[in-house]
Amino acid sequence: MRRSPLAIELAPTYTEGKRGLEAMMDGWGWLWGAFMMLLFWGRLAAMIVFAVRAFGGTSRKSSREAIDAETILETRFARGEISREESEERKRVLESRAA
């Protein structure tokens, strides 16, 4: 079977030294490529995290939860669901958690 001249030129040759893909991936080239890929994906992930934190609002709700809990406690006391002693005891617990 006769090969065309183009096929002979494009076929990898191992006798002429390192050429093309063989030279590119030999030695430390693969390590450099892996490092650059990790750097790219790391930067992309960091940018996404930064954008979510910057534009997504705050994630700390402890002060807001304490205010909400105190409001709920006062409302339950006003309705008569809990006694004054129970209300004061729970307020002390909430204050100790906030400090």
C-alpha atoms as a PDB file:
ATOM      1  CA  MET A   1       0.000   0.000   0.000  1.00  0.00           C
ATOM      2  CA  ARG A   2       1.376   3.345  -1.015  1.00  0.00           C
ATOM      3  CA  ARG A   3       1.211   6.292   1.412  1.00  0.00           C
ATOM      4  CA  SER A   4       0.668   9.824   0.271  1.00  0.00           C
ATOM      5  CA  PRO A   5       3.458  12.340   0.902  1.00  0.00           C
ATOM      6  CA  LEU A   6       1.173  14.337   3.191  1.00  0.00           C
ATOM      7  CA  ALA A   7       0.556  11.332   5.446  1.00  0.00           C
ATOM      8  CA  ILE A   8       4.266  10.723   5.682  1.00  0.00           C
ATOM      9  CA  GLU A   9       4.929  14.317   6.741  1.00  0.00           C
ATOM     10  CA  LEU A  10       2.175  14.360   9.352  1.00  0.00           C
ATOM     11  CA  ALA A  11       3.029  10.995  10.870  1.00  0.00           C
ATOM     12  CA  PRO A  12       5.109  11.330  14.043  1.00  0.00           C
ATOM     13  CA  THR A  13       8.694  10.394  13.564  1.00  0.00           C
ATOM     14  CA  TYR A  14      10.787   9.255  16.461  1.00  0.00           C
ATOM     15  CA  THR A  15      14.060   9.146  14.653  1.00  0.00           C
ATOM     16  CA  GLU A  16      14.350  12.859  13.957  1.00  0.00           C
ATOM     17  CA  GLY A  17      14.311  13.930  17.592  1.00  0.00           C
ATOM     18  CA  LYS A  18      11.600  15.636  19.545  1.00  0.00           C
ATOM     19  CA  ARG A  19       8.997  17.380  17.408  1.00  0.00           C
ATOM     20  CA  GLY A  20       5.426  18.521  17.835  1.00  0.00           C
ATOM     21  CA  LEU A  21       3.379  16.901  20.551  1.00  0.00           C
ATOM     22  CA  GLU A  22       6.228  14.715  21.696  1.00  0.00           C
ATOM     23  CA  ALA A  23       8.445  17.711  22.428  1.00  0.00           C
ATOM     24  CA  MET A  24       5.648  19.715  24.012  1.00  0.00           C
ATOM     25  CA  MET A  25       4.646  17.064  26.530  1.00  0.00           C
ATOM     26  CA  ASP A  26       8.101  15.756  27.313  1.00  0.00           C
ATOM     27  CA  GLY A  27       9.876  16.753  30.483  1.00  0.00           C
ATOM     28  CA  TRP A  28       8.204  19.383  32.643  1.00  0.00           C
ATOM     29  CA  GLY A  29       5.673  20.685  30.105  1.00  0.00           C
ATOM     30  CA  TRP A  30       2.817  18.675  31.561  1.00  0.00           C
ATOM     31  CA  LEU A  31       3.560  19.987  35.056  1.00  0.00           C
ATOM     32  CA  TRP A  32       3.508  23.587  33.843  1.00  0.00           C
ATOM     33  CA  GLY A  33       0.166  22.955  32.099  1.00  0.00           C
ATOM     34  CA  ALA A  34      -1.358  21.384  35.215  1.00  0.00           C
ATOM     35  CA  PHE A  35      -0.147  24.281  37.351  1.00  0.00           C
ATOM     36  CA  MET A  36      -1.649  26.849  34.975  1.00  0.00           C
ATOM     37  CA  MET A  37      -4.955  24.954  34.908  1.00  0.00           C
ATOM     38  CA  LEU A  38      -5.115  24.889  38.726  1.00  0.00           C
ATOM     39  CA  LEU A  39      -4.217  28.565  38.838  1.00  0.00           C
ATOM     40  CA  PHE A  40      -7.003  29.405  36.393  1.00  0.00           C
ATOM     41  CA  TRP A  41      -9.683  27.417  38.243  1.00  0.00           C
ATOM     42  CA  GLY A  42      -8.477  28.698  41.625  1.00  0.00           C
ATOM     43  CA  ARG A  43      -8.743  32.296  40.479  1.00  0.00           C
ATOM     44  CA  LEU A  44     -12.179  31.670  39.011  1.00  0.00           C
ATOM     45  CA  ALA A  45     -13.399  30.099  42.268  1.00  0.00           C
ATOM     46  CA  ALA A  46     -11.933  32.973  44.308  1.00  0.00           C
ATOM     47  CA  MET A  47     -13.681  35.528  42.095  1.00  0.00           C
ATOM     48  CA  ILE A  48     -17.013  33.727  42.502  1.00  0.00           C
ATOM     49  CA  VAL A  49     -16.625  33.564  46.297  1.00  0.00           C
ATOM     50  CA  PHE A  50     -15.654  37.244  46.403  1.00  0.00           C
ATOM     51  CA  ALA A  51     -18.653  38.245  44.269  1.00  0.00           C
ATOM     52  CA  VAL A  52     -21.086  36.234  46.400  1.00  0.00           C
ATOM     53  CA  ARG A  53     -19.731  37.723  49.627  1.00  0.00           C
ATOM     54  CA  ALA A  54     -19.624  41.263  48.246  1.00  0.00           C
ATOM     55  CA  PHE A  55     -23.082  41.310  46.698  1.00  0.00           C
ATOM     56  CA  GLY A  56     -24.876  38.569  48.621  1.00  0.00           C
ATOM     57  CA  GLY A  57     -25.312  40.368  51.932  1.00  0.00           C
ATOM     58  CA  THR A  58     -24.049  39.358  55.329  1.00  0.00           C
ATOM     59  CA  SER A  59     -24.013  35.854  56.672  1.00  0.00           C
ATOM     60  CA  ARG A  60     -23.768  36.860  60.322  1.00  0.00           C
ATOM     61  CA  LYS A  61     -27.239  36.958  61.794  1.00  0.00           C
ATOM     62  CA  SER A  62     -26.469  36.585  65.501  1.00  0.00           C
ATOM     63  CA  SER A  63     -27.437  40.142  66.505  1.00  0.00           C
ATOM     64  CA  ARG A  64     -30.558  40.038  64.343  1.00  0.00           C
ATOM     65  CA  GLU A  65     -31.535  36.643  65.773  1.00  0.00           C
ATOM     66  CA  ALA A  66     -31.104  37.925  69.340  1.00  0.00           C
ATOM     67  CA  ILE A  67     -33.376  40.892  68.600  1.00  0.00           C
ATOM     68  CA  ASP A  68     -35.915  38.599  66.995  1.00  0.00           C
ATOM     69  CA  ALA A  69     -35.769  36.207  69.936  1.00  0.00           C
ATOM     70  CA  GLU A  70     -36.310  39.045  72.414  1.00  0.00           C
ATOM     71  CA  THR A  71     -39.263  40.314  70.394  1.00  0.00           C
ATOM     72  CA  ILE A  72     -40.789  36.848  70.306  1.00  0.00           C
ATOM     73  CA  LEU A  73     -40.216  36.478  74.035  1.00  0.00           C
ATOM     74  CA  GLU A  74     -41.924  39.814  74.782  1.00  0.00           C
ATOM     75  CA  THR A  75     -44.830  38.900  72.509  1.00  0.00           C
ATOM     76  CA  ARG A  76     -45.328  35.546  74.237  1.00  0.00           C
ATOM     77  CA  PHE A  77     -45.246  37.263  77.645  1.00  0.00           C
ATOM     78  CA  ALA A  78     -47.768  39.862  76.466  1.00  0.00           C
ATOM     79  CA  ARG A  79     -50.120  37.124  75.270  1.00  0.00           C
ATOM     80  CA  GLY A  80     -49.859  35.366  78.601  1.00  0.00           C
ATOM     81  CA  GLU A  81     -48.248  32.241  77.177  1.00  0.00           C
ATOM     82  CA  ILE A  82     -45.338  32.423  79.654  1.00  0.00           C
ATOM     83  CA  SER A  83     -45.025  33.803  83.186  1.00  0.00           C
ATOM     84  CA  ARG A  84     -42.902  36.778  84.271  1.00  0.00           C
ATOM     85  CA  GLU A  85     -40.319  34.485  85.907  1.00  0.00           C
ATOM     86  CA  GLU A  86     -39.998  32.360  82.785  1.00  0.00           C
ATOM     87  CA  SER A  87     -39.706  35.481  80.635  1.00  0.00           C
ATOM     88  CA  GLU A  88     -36.933  36.953  82.814  1.00  0.00           C
ATOM     89  CA  GLU A  89     -35.070  33.639  82.914  1.00  0.00           C
ATOM     90  CA  ARG A  90     -35.138  33.316  79.125  1.00  0.00           C
ATOM     91  CA  LYS A  91     -34.003  36.945  78.733  1.00  0.00           C
ATOM     92  CA  ARG A  92     -30.970  36.175  80.910  1.00  0.00           C
ATOM     93  CA  VAL A  93     -30.186  33.153  78.744  1.00  0.00           C
ATOM     94  CA  LEU A  94     -30.428  35.260  75.567  1.00  0.00           C
ATOM     95  CA  GLU A  95     -28.195  37.981  77.044  1.00  0.00           C
ATOM     96  CA  SER A  96     -25.590  35.428  78.090  1.00  0.00           C
ATOM     97  CA  ARG A  97     -25.508  33.987  74.547  1.00  0.00           C
ATOM     98  CA  ALA A  98     -25.182  37.455  72.961  1.00  0.00           C
ATOM     99  CA  ALA A  99     -22.193  38.370  75.154  1.00  0.00           C
END
